[in-house]
C-alpha atoms as a PDB file:
ATOM      1  CA  MET A   1       0.225   0.018  -0.181  1.00  0.00           C
ATOM      2  CA  ALA A   2       1.663   3.608  -1.132  1.00  0.00           C
ATOM      3  CA  LEU A   3       2.017   5.953   1.398  1.00  0.00           C
ATOM      4  CA  PRO A   4       0.107   8.972   0.518  1.00  0.00           C
ATOM      5  CA  SER A   5       2.095  12.092   0.007  1.00  0.00           C
ATOM      6  CA  PHE A   6       1.800  14.886   1.673  1.00  0.00           C
ATOM      7  CA  VAL A   7       2.420  18.837  -0.763  1.00  0.00           C
ATOM      8  CA  PRO A   8       3.173  22.001   1.353  1.00  0.00           C
ATOM      9  CA  VAL A   9       0.182  24.830   0.568  1.00  0.00           C
ATOM     10  CA  ARG A  10       2.179  27.823  -0.544  1.00  0.00           C
ATOM     11  CA  ARG A  11       3.621  25.045  -3.170  1.00  0.00           C
ATOM     12  CA  LYS A  12       0.665  23.962  -4.403  1.00  0.00           C
ATOM     13  CA  GLN A  13      -0.656  27.910  -4.247  1.00  0.00           C
ATOM     14  CA  PHE A  14       3.066  28.560  -6.777  1.00  0.00           C
ATOM     15  CA  ASP A  15       2.182  25.946  -9.248  1.00  0.00           C
ATOM     16  CA  ALA A  16      -1.490  27.178  -9.079  1.00  0.00           C
ATOM     17  CA  ALA A  17      -0.360  30.628  -9.936  1.00  0.00           C
ATOM     18  CA  ARG A  18       2.031  29.170 -12.723  1.00  0.00           C
ATOM     19  CA  SER A  19      -0.448  27.396 -14.264  1.00  0.00           C
ATOM     20  CA  THR A  20      -3.065  30.263 -14.194  1.00  0.00           C
ATOM     21  CA  GLU A  21       0.001  32.585 -16.131  1.00  0.00           C
ATOM     22  CA  SER A  22       0.552  29.708 -18.240  1.00  0.00           C
ATOM     23  CA  SER A  23      -3.309  28.956 -19.353  1.00  0.00           C
ATOM     24  CA  PRO A  24      -4.787  29.669 -22.630  1.00  0.00           C
ATOM     25  CA  GLN A  25      -7.783  31.543 -20.926  1.00  0.00           C
ATOM     26  CA  ASN A  26      -4.759  34.659 -20.000  1.00  0.00           C
ATOM     27  CA  ASN A  27      -4.676  36.463 -23.111  1.00  0.00           C
ATOM     28  CA  THR A  28      -1.450  38.295 -21.793  1.00  0.00           C
ATOM     29  CA  PRO A  29       1.741  36.630 -21.036  1.00  0.00           C
ATOM     30  CA  PRO A  30       3.587  37.646 -18.017  1.00  0.00           C
ATOM     31  CA  TYR A  31       7.006  37.670 -20.242  1.00  0.00           C
ATOM     32  CA  GLY A  32       5.568  38.711 -23.769  1.00  0.00           C
ATOM     33  CA  ILE A  33       4.366  36.892 -26.850  1.00  0.00           C
ATOM     34  CA  SER A  34       6.534  33.690 -27.871  1.00  0.00           C
ATOM     35  CA  PRO A  35       9.229  34.555 -31.178  1.00  0.00           C
ATOM     36  CA  SER A  36       7.605  33.086 -34.032  1.00  0.00           C
ATOM     37  CA  LYS A  37       9.329  30.826 -36.633  1.00  0.00           C
ATOM     38  CA  SER A  38      10.217  33.690 -39.071  1.00  0.00           C
ATOM     39  CA  THR A  39      11.515  35.700 -36.234  1.00  0.00           C
ATOM     40  CA  ILE A  40      13.809  32.149 -34.987  1.00  0.00           C
ATOM     41  CA  LYS A  41      15.159  32.397 -38.710  1.00  0.00           C
ATOM     42  CA  ARG A  42      16.443  36.118 -38.487  1.00  0.00           C
ATOM     43  CA  ALA A  43      17.516  35.643 -35.074  1.00  0.00           C
ATOM     44  CA  THR A  44      19.631  32.512 -36.964  1.00  0.00           C
ATOM     45  CA  ARG A  45      20.444  34.123 -39.742  1.00  0.00           C
ATOM     46  CA  THR A  46      24.147  35.095 -38.281  1.00  0.00           C
ATOM     47  CA  ARG A  47      24.766  31.293 -38.400  1.00  0.00           C
ATOM     48  CA  LEU A  48      22.830  30.943 -41.790  1.00  0.00           C
ATOM     49  CA  THR A  49      25.876  33.157 -43.384  1.00  0.00           C
ATOM     50  CA  PHE A  50      28.525  31.185 -41.776  1.00  0.00           C
ATOM     51  CA  ALA A  51      26.989  27.887 -42.638  1.00  0.00           C
ATOM     52  CA  LEU A  52      26.360  29.158 -46.457  1.00  0.00           C
ATOM     53  CA  LEU A  53      30.107  30.226 -46.460  1.00  0.00           C
ATOM     54  CA  THR A  54      31.363  26.807 -45.537  1.00  0.00           C
ATOM     55  CA  SER A  55      29.361  25.032 -47.813  1.00  0.00           C
ATOM     56  CA  LEU A  56      31.182  27.793 -50.502  1.00  0.00           C
ATOM     57  CA  CYS A  57      34.557  26.698 -49.344  1.00  0.00           C
ATOM     58  CA  PHE A  58      33.599  23.219 -50.324  1.00  0.00           C
ATOM     59  CA  LEU A  59      32.123  23.977 -53.972  1.00  0.00           C
ATOM     60  CA  ILE A  60      35.368  26.000 -54.311  1.00  0.00           C
ATOM     61  CA  ALA A  61      37.278  22.875 -53.165  1.00  0.00           C
ATOM     62  CA  LEU A  62      35.482  21.099 -55.293  1.00  0.00           C
ATOM     63  CA  THR A  63      35.689  22.787 -58.409  1.00  0.00           C
ATOM     64  CA  PHE A  64      39.438  22.787 -58.203  1.00  0.00           C
ATOM     65  CA  VAL A  65      40.033  19.188 -57.408  1.00  0.00           C
ATOM     66  CA  ILE A  66      38.308  17.860 -60.072  1.00  0.00           C
ATOM     67  CA  LEU A  67      40.071  20.733 -62.227  1.00  0.00           C
ATOM     68  CA  VAL A  68      43.492  18.692 -60.770  1.00  0.00           C
ATOM     69  CA  GLU A  69      42.048  15.132 -61.436  1.00  0.00           C
ATOM     70  CA  PHE A  70      40.745  16.051 -65.306  1.00  0.00           C
ATOM     71  CA  GLY A  71      44.163  17.945 -65.719  1.00  0.00           C
ATOM     72  CA  ASN A  72      46.408  16.882 -69.068  1.00  0.00           C
ATOM     73  CA  ILE A  73      43.864  14.241 -69.868  1.00  0.00           C
ATOM     74  CA  SER A  74      43.101  15.029 -73.208  1.00  0.00           C
ATOM     75  CA  ALA A  75      45.333  16.754 -75.889  1.00  0.00           C
ATOM     76  CA  HIS A  76      42.301  18.181 -77.553  1.00  0.00           C
ATOM     77  CA  LYS A  77      41.286  20.783 -74.973  1.00  0.00           C
ATOM     78  CA  PRO A  78      43.624  23.530 -74.563  1.00  0.00           C
ATOM     79  CA  VAL A  79      42.099  24.171 -71.203  1.00  0.00           C
ATOM     80  CA  VAL A  80      42.359  20.591 -69.512  1.00  0.00           C
ATOM     81  CA  GLY A  81      45.932  20.198 -71.563  1.00  0.00           C
ATOM     82  CA  SER A  82      47.885  23.363 -70.158  1.00  0.00           C
ATOM     83  CA  ILE A  83      47.012  21.920 -66.250  1.00  0.00           C
ATOM     84  CA  TRP A  84      49.452  19.494 -65.492  1.00  0.00           C
ATOM     85  CA  PHE A  85      52.141  18.719 -62.730  1.00  0.00           C
ATOM     86  CA  MET A  86      55.872  18.951 -64.470  1.00  0.00           C
ATOM     87  CA  LYS A  87      57.008  19.554 -67.719  1.00  0.00           C
ATOM     88  CA  LEU A  88      60.159  18.113 -69.282  1.00  0.00           C
ATOM     89  CA  ASP A  89      61.906  19.464 -72.323  1.00  0.00           C
ATOM     90  CA  LEU A  90      63.823  17.478 -74.433  1.00  0.00           C
ATOM     91  CA  SER A  91      64.773  19.117 -77.383  1.00  0.00           C
ATOM     92  CA  ASN A  92      67.609  19.801 -76.501  1.00  0.00           C
ATOM     93  CA  ILE A  93      68.877  16.891 -74.823  1.00  0.00           C
ATOM     94  CA  ILE A  94      72.488  17.235 -76.804  1.00  0.00           C
ATOM     95  CA  PRO A  95      74.346  20.148 -75.553  1.00  0.00           C
ATOM     96  CA  ALA A  96      75.002  23.130 -77.993  1.00  0.00           C
ATOM     97  CA  SER A  97      78.812  21.986 -76.990  1.00  0.00           C
ATOM     98  CA  VAL A  98      78.766  19.038 -78.491  1.00  0.00           C
ATOM     99  CA  PRO A  99      79.366  19.191 -82.242  1.00  0.00           C
ATOM    100  CA  ASN A 100      76.812  18.923 -84.576  1.00  0.00           C
ATOM    101  CA  ALA A 101      74.257  19.301 -81.528  1.00  0.00           C
ATOM    102  CA  SER A 102      71.140  20.533 -83.813  1.00  0.00           C
ATOM    103  CA  LEU A 103      72.029  17.382 -85.978  1.00  0.00           C
ATOM    104  CA  ILE A 104      71.862  14.565 -83.606  1.00  0.00           C
ATOM    105  CA  ASN A 105      68.895  16.619 -81.929  1.00  0.00           C
ATOM    106  CA  SER A 106      67.293  16.228 -85.343  1.00  0.00           C
ATOM    107  CA  ILE A 107      67.967  12.416 -85.674  1.00  0.00           C
ATOM    108  CA  ALA A 108      66.759  11.914 -82.036  1.00  0.00           C
ATOM    109  CA  ARG A 109      63.734  13.329 -82.822  1.00  0.00           C
ATOM    110  CA  THR A 110      63.618  10.940 -86.024  1.00  0.00           C
ATOM    111  CA  LEU A 111      64.233   7.733 -83.667  1.00  0.00           C
ATOM    112  CA  GLY A 112      60.862   8.819 -81.844  1.00  0.00           C
ATOM    113  CA  LEU A 113      61.774  11.368 -78.938  1.00  0.00           C
ATOM    114  CA  HIS A 114      59.052  14.353 -78.072  1.00  0.00           C
ATOM    115  CA  ASP A 115      60.203  17.718 -77.274  1.00  0.00           C
ATOM    116  CA  PHE A 116      58.406  17.728 -74.330  1.00  0.00           C
ATOM    117  CA  TYR A 117      56.533  15.388 -71.943  1.00  0.00           C
ATOM    118  CA  GLN A 118      54.477  17.026 -69.394  1.00  0.00           C
ATOM    119  CA  VAL A 119      52.076  14.665 -66.071  1.00  0.00           C
ATOM    120  CA  GLY A 120      49.060  14.925 -65.062  1.00  0.00           C
ATOM    121  CA  LEU A 121      47.130  12.455 -62.559  1.00  0.00           C
ATOM    122  CA  TRP A 122      46.489  10.041 -64.556  1.00  0.00           C
ATOM    123  CA  ASN A 123      48.630   9.753 -67.407  1.00  0.00           C
ATOM    124  CA  PHE A 124      51.416  11.982 -69.512  1.00  0.00           C
ATOM    125  CA  CYS A 125      51.256  14.242 -73.170  1.00  0.00           C
ATOM    126  CA  GLU A 126      53.804  14.512 -75.295  1.00  0.00           C
ATOM    127  CA  GLY A 127      54.775  17.127 -78.355  1.00  0.00           C
ATOM    128  CA  TYR A 128      56.765  19.241 -80.542  1.00  0.00           C
ATOM    129  CA  GLY A 129      57.494  22.606 -80.373  1.00  0.00           C
ATOM    130  CA  ASP A 130      54.702  24.479 -78.201  1.00  0.00           C
ATOM    131  CA  LYS A 131      51.899  22.242 -79.190  1.00  0.00           C
ATOM    132  CA  VAL A 132      50.278  18.523 -77.351  1.00  0.00           C
ATOM    133  CA  SER A 133      50.402  15.721 -80.190  1.00  0.00           C
ATOM    134  CA  GLU A 134      49.346  12.937 -78.305  1.00  0.00           C
ATOM    135  CA  CYS A 135      48.181  11.939 -74.730  1.00  0.00           C
ATOM    136  CA  SER A 136      48.912   8.346 -73.228  1.00  0.00           C
ATOM    137  CA  LYS A 137      45.577   6.240 -71.673  1.00  0.00           C
ATOM    138  CA  PRO A 138      44.413   7.393 -68.636  1.00  0.00           C
ATOM    139  CA  ARG A 139      44.905   4.600 -66.130  1.00  0.00           C
ATOM    140  CA  LYS A 140      44.737   4.476 -62.117  1.00  0.00           C
ATOM    141  CA  LEU A 141      47.699   4.873 -59.747  1.00  0.00           C
ATOM    142  CA  TYR A 142      49.396   6.212 -62.583  1.00  0.00           C
ATOM    143  CA  TRP A 143      52.729   7.153 -62.080  1.00  0.00           C
ATOM    144  CA  PHE A 144      55.386   9.299 -64.392  1.00  0.00           C
ATOM    145  CA  ASN A 145      58.436   7.038 -65.485  1.00  0.00           C
ATOM    146  CA  PRO A 146      60.681   8.870 -67.878  1.00  0.00           C
ATOM    147  CA  VAL A 147      63.219   6.367 -68.640  1.00  0.00           C
ATOM    148  CA  GLU A 148      60.479   3.905 -69.142  1.00  0.00           C
ATOM    149  CA  ILE A 149      58.688   6.426 -71.845  1.00  0.00           C
ATOM    150  CA  ILE A 150      61.672   7.993 -73.314  1.00  0.00           C
ATOM    151  CA  LEU A 151      62.713   3.978 -73.894  1.00  0.00           C
ATOM    152  CA  ASN A 152      59.935   3.020 -75.214  1.00  0.00           C
ATOM    153  CA  GLU A 153      59.628   5.845 -78.022  1.00  0.00           C
ATOM    154  CA  LEU A 154      63.322   5.109 -79.274  1.00  0.00           C
ATOM    155  CA  LEU A 155      63.799   2.633 -82.070  1.00  0.00           C
ATOM    156  CA  SER A 156      64.689  -0.932 -80.501  1.00  0.00           C
ATOM    157  CA  GLY A 157      68.177  -1.682 -79.489  1.00  0.00           C
ATOM    158  CA  ALA A 158      68.452   2.468 -78.956  1.00  0.00           C
ATOM    159  CA  THR A 159      69.139   3.479 -74.888  1.00  0.00           C
ATOM    160  CA  ILE A 160      69.760   6.505 -73.173  1.00  0.00           C
ATOM    161  CA  ALA A 161      71.952   6.954 -70.229  1.00  0.00           C
ATOM    162  CA  LEU A 162      70.514   8.480 -67.050  1.00  0.00           C
ATOM    163  CA  PRO A 163      72.314   9.153 -63.226  1.00  0.00           C
ATOM    164  CA  ASN A 164      71.864   7.258 -60.323  1.00  0.00           C
ATOM    165  CA  GLU A 165      70.167   9.734 -58.724  1.00  0.00           C
ATOM    166  CA  ILE A 166      67.683   9.882 -61.372  1.00  0.00           C
ATOM    167  CA  LEU A 167      66.812   6.128 -61.119  1.00  0.00           C
ATOM    168  CA  THR A 168      67.214   5.911 -57.283  1.00  0.00           C
ATOM    169  CA  ALA A 169      63.952   8.771 -57.235  1.00  0.00           C
ATOM    170  CA  LEU A 170      61.802   6.958 -59.704  1.00  0.00           C
ATOM    171  CA  GLY A 171      61.439   4.499 -57.254  1.00  0.00           C
ATOM    172  CA  LEU A 172      60.097   7.211 -54.419  1.00  0.00           C
ATOM    173  CA  VAL A 173      58.098   8.636 -57.113  1.00  0.00           C
ATOM    174  CA  ARG A 174      56.251   5.993 -57.968  1.00  0.00           C
ATOM    175  CA  HIS A 175      55.286   4.974 -54.359  1.00  0.00           C
ATOM    176  CA  ALA A 176      54.538   8.739 -53.194  1.00  0.00           C
ATOM    177  CA  SER A 177      52.079   9.017 -57.338  1.00  0.00           C
ATOM    178  CA  HIS A 178      50.222   5.827 -55.670  1.00  0.00           C
ATOM    179  CA  TRP A 179      49.296   8.041 -52.629  1.00  0.00           C
ATOM    180  CA  MET A 180      48.713  11.300 -54.439  1.00  0.00           C
ATOM    181  CA  PHE A 181      46.172   9.710 -56.606  1.00  0.00           C
ATOM    182  CA  ALA A 182      44.149   7.910 -53.532  1.00  0.00           C
ATOM    183  CA  LEU A 183      44.337  10.785 -51.769  1.00  0.00           C
ATOM    184  CA  PHE A 184      43.128  13.103 -54.319  1.00  0.00           C
ATOM    185  CA  LEU A 185      40.320  10.796 -55.723  1.00  0.00           C
ATOM    186  CA  ILE A 186      39.131  11.016 -51.772  1.00  0.00           C
ATOM    187  CA  SER A 187      39.202  14.858 -51.488  1.00  0.00           C
ATOM    188  CA  ALA A 188      36.391  14.783 -54.863  1.00  0.00           C
ATOM    189  CA  PRO A 189      33.738  13.125 -52.692  1.00  0.00           C
ATOM    190  CA  LEU A 190      34.557  14.117 -49.250  1.00  0.00           C
ATOM    191  CA  SER A 191      34.554  17.794 -50.506  1.00  0.00           C
ATOM    192  CA  PHE A 192      30.871  17.333 -52.096  1.00  0.00           C
ATOM    193  CA  VAL A 193      29.298  15.915 -49.214  1.00  0.00           C
ATOM    194  CA  CYS A 194      30.581  18.473 -47.036  1.00  0.00           C
ATOM    195  CA  MET A 195      29.287  21.169 -49.449  1.00  0.00           C
ATOM    196  CA  LEU A 196      25.792  19.591 -48.978  1.00  0.00           C
ATOM    197  CA  LEU A 197      25.943  18.584 -44.938  1.00  0.00           C
ATOM    198  CA  THR A 198      27.560  22.227 -43.979  1.00  0.00           C
ATOM    199  CA  PRO A 199      23.821  24.044 -44.306  1.00  0.00           C
ATOM    200  CA  LEU A 200      22.355  21.812 -41.829  1.00  0.00           C
ATOM    201  CA  SER A 201      24.672  23.262 -39.085  1.00  0.00           C
ATOM    202  CA  VAL A 202      21.977  26.187 -38.825  1.00  0.00           C
ATOM    203  CA  PHE A 203      20.035  23.773 -37.093  1.00  0.00           C
ATOM    204  CA  SER A 204      21.447  22.420 -34.305  1.00  0.00           C
ATOM    205  CA  ARG A 205      24.857  22.390 -32.378  1.00  0.00           C
ATOM    206  CA  TRP A 206      24.767  18.750 -31.954  1.00  0.00           C
ATOM    207  CA  ALA A 207      24.570  18.047 -35.621  1.00  0.00           C
ATOM    208  CA  THR A 208      27.585  20.581 -36.253  1.00  0.00           C
ATOM    209  CA  LEU A 209      30.086  18.379 -34.485  1.00  0.00           C
ATOM    210  CA  PRO A 210      30.133  15.503 -36.894  1.00  0.00           C
ATOM    211  CA  ILE A 211      30.065  17.872 -39.736  1.00  0.00           C
ATOM    212  CA  ALA A 212      32.780  19.385 -38.077  1.00  0.00           C
ATOM    213  CA  VAL A 213      35.064  15.724 -37.875  1.00  0.00           C
ATOM    214  CA  LEU A 214      33.703  15.014 -41.734  1.00  0.00           C
ATOM    215  CA  SER A 215      34.928  18.419 -42.916  1.00  0.00           C
ATOM    216  CA  PHE A 216      38.569  18.114 -40.896  1.00  0.00           C
ATOM    217  CA  LEU A 217      38.968  14.692 -42.938  1.00  0.00           C
ATOM    218  CA  CYS A 218      38.317  16.379 -46.140  1.00  0.00           C
ATOM    219  CA  ALA A 219      40.734  18.849 -45.403  1.00  0.00           C
ATOM    220  CA  LEU A 220      42.932  16.898 -43.985  1.00  0.00           C
ATOM    221  CA  VAL A 221      42.926  14.413 -47.282  1.00  0.00           C
ATOM    222  CA  THR A 222      43.195  17.494 -49.382  1.00  0.00           C
ATOM    223  CA  ASN A 223      46.030  19.111 -47.730  1.00  0.00           C
ATOM    224  CA  ALA A 224      48.069  16.045 -47.052  1.00  0.00           C
ATOM    225  CA  ALA A 225      47.408  15.377 -51.089  1.00  0.00           C
ATOM    226  CA  CYS A 226      48.651  19.017 -52.052  1.00  0.00           C
ATOM    227  CA  ILE A 227      51.897  18.486 -49.798  1.00  0.00           C
ATOM    228  CA  LEU A 228      52.813  15.114 -51.245  1.00  0.00           C
ATOM    229  CA  ALA A 229      52.355  16.501 -54.577  1.00  0.00           C
ATOM    230  CA  THR A 230      54.195  19.664 -54.046  1.00  0.00           C
ATOM    231  CA  ALA A 231      57.002  18.071 -52.793  1.00  0.00           C
ATOM    232  CA  LEU A 232      56.934  15.126 -55.264  1.00  0.00           C
ATOM    233  CA  PHE A 233      57.714  17.234 -58.172  1.00  0.00           C
ATOM    234  CA  VAL A 234      59.626  20.073 -56.639  1.00  0.00           C
ATOM    235  CA  ILE A 235      61.943  17.062 -55.553  1.00  0.00           C
ATOM    236  CA  PHE A 236      61.728  15.716 -58.757  1.00  0.00           C
ATOM    237  CA  LYS A 237      62.678  18.840 -60.408  1.00  0.00           C
ATOM    238  CA  ASN A 238      65.612  19.578 -58.642  1.00  0.00           C
ATOM    239  CA  VAL A 239      67.185  16.235 -59.285  1.00  0.00           C
ATOM    240  CA  ILE A 240      67.109  17.100 -63.042  1.00  0.00           C
ATOM    241  CA  VAL A 241      67.917  20.124 -62.869  1.00  0.00           C
ATOM    242  CA  SER A 242      70.615  19.428 -60.434  1.00  0.00           C
ATOM    243  CA  ARG A 243      72.262  16.927 -62.966  1.00  0.00           C
ATOM    244  CA  GLY A 244      72.469  19.437 -65.747  1.00  0.00           C
ATOM    245  CA  THR A 245      76.132  18.675 -65.989  1.00  0.00           C
ATOM    246  CA  ASP A 246      75.270  15.070 -67.209  1.00  0.00           C
ATOM    247  CA  ILE A 247      71.955  15.843 -69.585  1.00  0.00           C
ATOM    248  CA  ASN A 248      70.275  18.563 -71.014  1.00  0.00           C
ATOM    249  CA  ILE A 249      66.940  17.721 -69.717  1.00  0.00           C
ATOM    250  CA  GLY A 250      65.052  20.663 -68.831  1.00  0.00           C
ATOM    251  CA  ALA A 251      62.071  20.511 -66.127  1.00  0.00           C
ATOM    252  CA  GLU A 252      59.239  22.853 -65.365  1.00  0.00           C
ATOM    253  CA  ILE A 253      56.669  22.611 -62.433  1.00  0.00           C
ATOM    254  CA  GLY A 254      53.303  23.513 -63.681  1.00  0.00           C
ATOM    255  CA  THR A 255      52.186  26.615 -61.801  1.00  0.00           C
ATOM    256  CA  ARG A 256      48.471  26.578 -63.128  1.00  0.00           C
ATOM    257  CA  MET A 257      48.082  22.979 -61.495  1.00  0.00           C
ATOM    258  CA  PHE A 258      49.990  24.618 -58.445  1.00  0.00           C
ATOM    259  CA  VAL A 259      47.662  26.884 -57.778  1.00  0.00           C
ATOM    260  CA  PHE A 260      44.694  25.050 -58.070  1.00  0.00           C
ATOM    261  CA  MET A 261      45.316  22.645 -56.009  1.00  0.00           C
ATOM    262  CA  TRP A 262      46.330  25.078 -53.197  1.00  0.00           C
ATOM    263  CA  ILE A 263      43.192  26.808 -53.802  1.00  0.00           C
ATOM    264  CA  ALA A 264      41.580  23.444 -52.789  1.00  0.00           C
ATOM    265  CA  ALA A 265      43.213  23.264 -50.030  1.00  0.00           C
ATOM    266  CA  GLY A 266      43.142  26.456 -48.397  1.00  0.00           C
ATOM    267  CA  SER A 267      39.553  26.628 -48.973  1.00  0.00           C
ATOM    268  CA  SER A 268      38.725  23.659 -47.366  1.00  0.00           C
ATOM    269  CA  LEU A 269      41.082  24.459 -44.612  1.00  0.00           C
ATOM    270  CA  PHE A 270      39.178  27.776 -44.146  1.00  0.00           C
ATOM    271  CA  GLY A 271      36.082  25.549 -44.172  1.00  0.00           C
ATOM    272  CA  TRP A 272      36.786  23.229 -41.347  1.00  0.00           C
ATOM    273  CA  LEU A 273      37.718  26.081 -39.251  1.00  0.00           C
ATOM    274  CA  VAL A 274      34.482  28.291 -39.924  1.00  0.00           C
ATOM    275  CA  GLN A 275      32.658  24.377 -39.071  1.00  0.00           C
ATOM    276  CA  MET A 276      34.495  24.180 -36.007  1.00  0.00           C
ATOM    277  CA  GLY A 277      33.725  28.049 -34.668  1.00  0.00           C
ATOM    278  CA  MET A 278      29.947  26.963 -35.210  1.00  0.00           C
ATOM    279  CA  CYS A 279      30.281  24.033 -32.649  1.00  0.00           C
ATOM    280  CA  CYS A 280      30.562  26.761 -30.092  1.00  0.00           C
ATOM    281  CA  CYS A 281      29.300  30.453 -31.838  1.00  0.00           C
ATOM    282  CA  CYS A 282      26.355  31.878 -32.987  1.00  0.00           C
ATOM    283  CA  ALA A 283      22.905  30.629 -31.881  1.00  0.00           C
ATOM    284  CA  SER A 284      20.916  27.714 -33.649  1.00  0.00           C
ATOM    285  CA  ARG A 285      17.515  27.266 -34.314  1.00  0.00           C
ATOM    286  CA  ARG A 286      17.291  24.677 -31.857  1.00  0.00           C
ATOM    287  CA  ASP A 287      19.202  26.679 -29.213  1.00  0.00           C
ATOM    288  CA  VAL A 288      16.934  30.107 -29.858  1.00  0.00           C
ATOM    289  CA  THR A 289      13.703  27.632 -29.869  1.00  0.00           C
ATOM    290  CA  ILE A 290      14.666  26.173 -26.525  1.00  0.00           C
ATOM    291  CA  GLY A 291      16.181  29.077 -24.972  1.00  0.00           C
ATOM    292  CA  ARG A 292      19.631  28.440 -24.440  1.00  0.00           C
ATOM    293  CA  LYS A 293      20.574  31.196 -26.408  1.00  0.00           C
ATOM    294  CA  VAL A 294      18.864  34.978 -27.854  1.00  0.00           C
ATOM    295  CA  GLY A 295      20.449  34.913 -31.278  1.00  0.00           C
ATOM    296  CA  THR A 296      19.808  38.775 -32.893  1.00  0.00           C
ATOM    297  CA  ARG A 297      17.932  40.579 -30.643  1.00  0.00           C
ATOM    298  CA  SER A 298      17.430  43.017 -33.538  1.00  0.00           C
ATOM    299  CA  ALA A 299      15.443  40.248 -35.253  1.00  0.00           C
ATOM    300  CA  TYR A 300      12.050  40.012 -32.899  1.00  0.00           C
ATOM    301  CA  ALA A 301       9.304  42.611 -33.122  1.00  0.00           C
ATOM    302  CA  ASP A 302       8.046  44.771 -30.835  1.00  0.00           C
ATOM    303  CA  GLY A 303       6.463  42.649 -27.744  1.00  0.00           C
ATOM    304  CA  GLU A 304       8.526  39.254 -28.514  1.00  0.00           C
ATOM    305  CA  THR A 305      10.192  38.096 -25.984  1.00  0.00           C
ATOM    306  CA  PRO A 306      13.177  35.792 -26.635  1.00  0.00           C
ATOM    307  CA  VAL A 307      12.463  32.210 -24.650  1.00  0.00           C
ATOM    308  CA  HIS A 308      16.079  32.958 -23.187  1.00  0.00           C
ATOM    309  CA  ASP A 309      14.914  35.906 -21.387  1.00  0.00           C
ATOM    310  CA  ARG A 310      11.695  34.513 -19.928  1.00  0.00           C
ATOM    311  CA  LEU A 311      13.513  31.248 -18.492  1.00  0.00           C
ATOM    312  CA  VAL A 312      15.965  33.757 -16.659  1.00  0.00           C
ATOM    313  CA  GLU A 313      12.645  35.766 -15.404  1.00  0.00           C
ATOM    314  CA  GLU A 314      10.973  32.789 -14.163  1.00  0.00           C
ATOM    315  CA  LYS A 315      14.037  31.246 -12.565  1.00  0.00           C
ATOM    316  CA  LYS A 316      14.980  35.279 -10.792  1.00  0.00           C
ATOM    317  CA  GLN A 317      10.979  34.201  -9.621  1.00  0.00           C
ATOM    318  CA  HIS A 318      11.239  31.394  -8.458  1.00  0.00           C
ATOM    319  CA  GLN A 319      14.155  31.818  -6.303  1.00  0.00           C
ATOM    320  CA  GLY A 320      12.132  35.055  -5.240  1.00  0.00           C
ATOM    321  CA  ARG A 321       9.793  33.314  -3.911  1.00  0.00           C
ATOM    322  CA  ARG A 322      11.785  30.560  -1.949  1.00  0.00           C
ATOM    323  CA  ARG A 323      13.641  33.004  -0.395  1.00  0.00           C
ATOM    324  CA  TRP A 324      10.576  34.909   0.724  1.00  0.00           C
ATOM    325  CA  ARG A 325       8.940  30.944   1.984  1.00  0.00           C
ATOM    326  CA  MET A 326      12.572  30.729   4.102  1.00  0.00           C
ATOM    327  CA  LYS A 327      11.991  33.966   5.415  1.00  0.00           C
ATOM    328  CA  LYS A 328       8.671  33.252   6.116  1.00  0.00           C
ATOM    329  CA  ALA A 329       9.163  29.979   7.990  1.00  0.00           C
END
């Protein structure tokens, strides 16, 4: 048998007063009118602005990652054909100091050696002068092996001597190229997903945290791919240039490709930082609805009172009545 419970008379009076204040018959709320949905949207407009800014950052990152991935993939598209990581110049592979250098270079052309070779993520392209004549078939996990390319394009039995430093560097180039290829391919779908999800951060800060984790992974993968590509081709170029006394091969870094990939890296990094900031800053719509935060006060119309202020006022009145009861006791 349950024991009877006793509620103090003053507690009953206090609860009755609160129920009277919140009853629908009372047309004048004690703390003002509750904010409407349109008011809540206006109060959280700052958070919406930052959420859309983050989405724009990942859209920019996605656009430039796609340009990096499709760079140098076709010889018949001028824009795509001008985006490459590195360009090797073999037009004067025989130095001018050698007697009959022009004649020997012409013979090298006859044997099948092209003037230049430019490297992309999926393949390489070759050509004469400044015009690309042909591109190799794109393939996954591609890595640029100039020795193999040059030997395959010379006639049977012809060889070309390369320094040991370049041969040693080719092993590192193969492993680094595989990682770079995988990271760039992962970066594109991650950027696309982050672009779609980041606007949802306006509704709740609880939703912002997992999106911030995903955006961190996107920024990490994109920046790692850019760092690896920069280190790979800058070192490769320096090795080729440093052996200029043995071979007369020029090397040039693709400025457009590097600008594109670092814009993508910077955009994804900035988007992640803004997303992390929204985990603790700027009131979400849920914060304003339940009274955790106010948002932008200028968004409230005359007579509308933020839920946060109403809760604070109720808490103050409750504490005042409690102190009054304690004094009476």
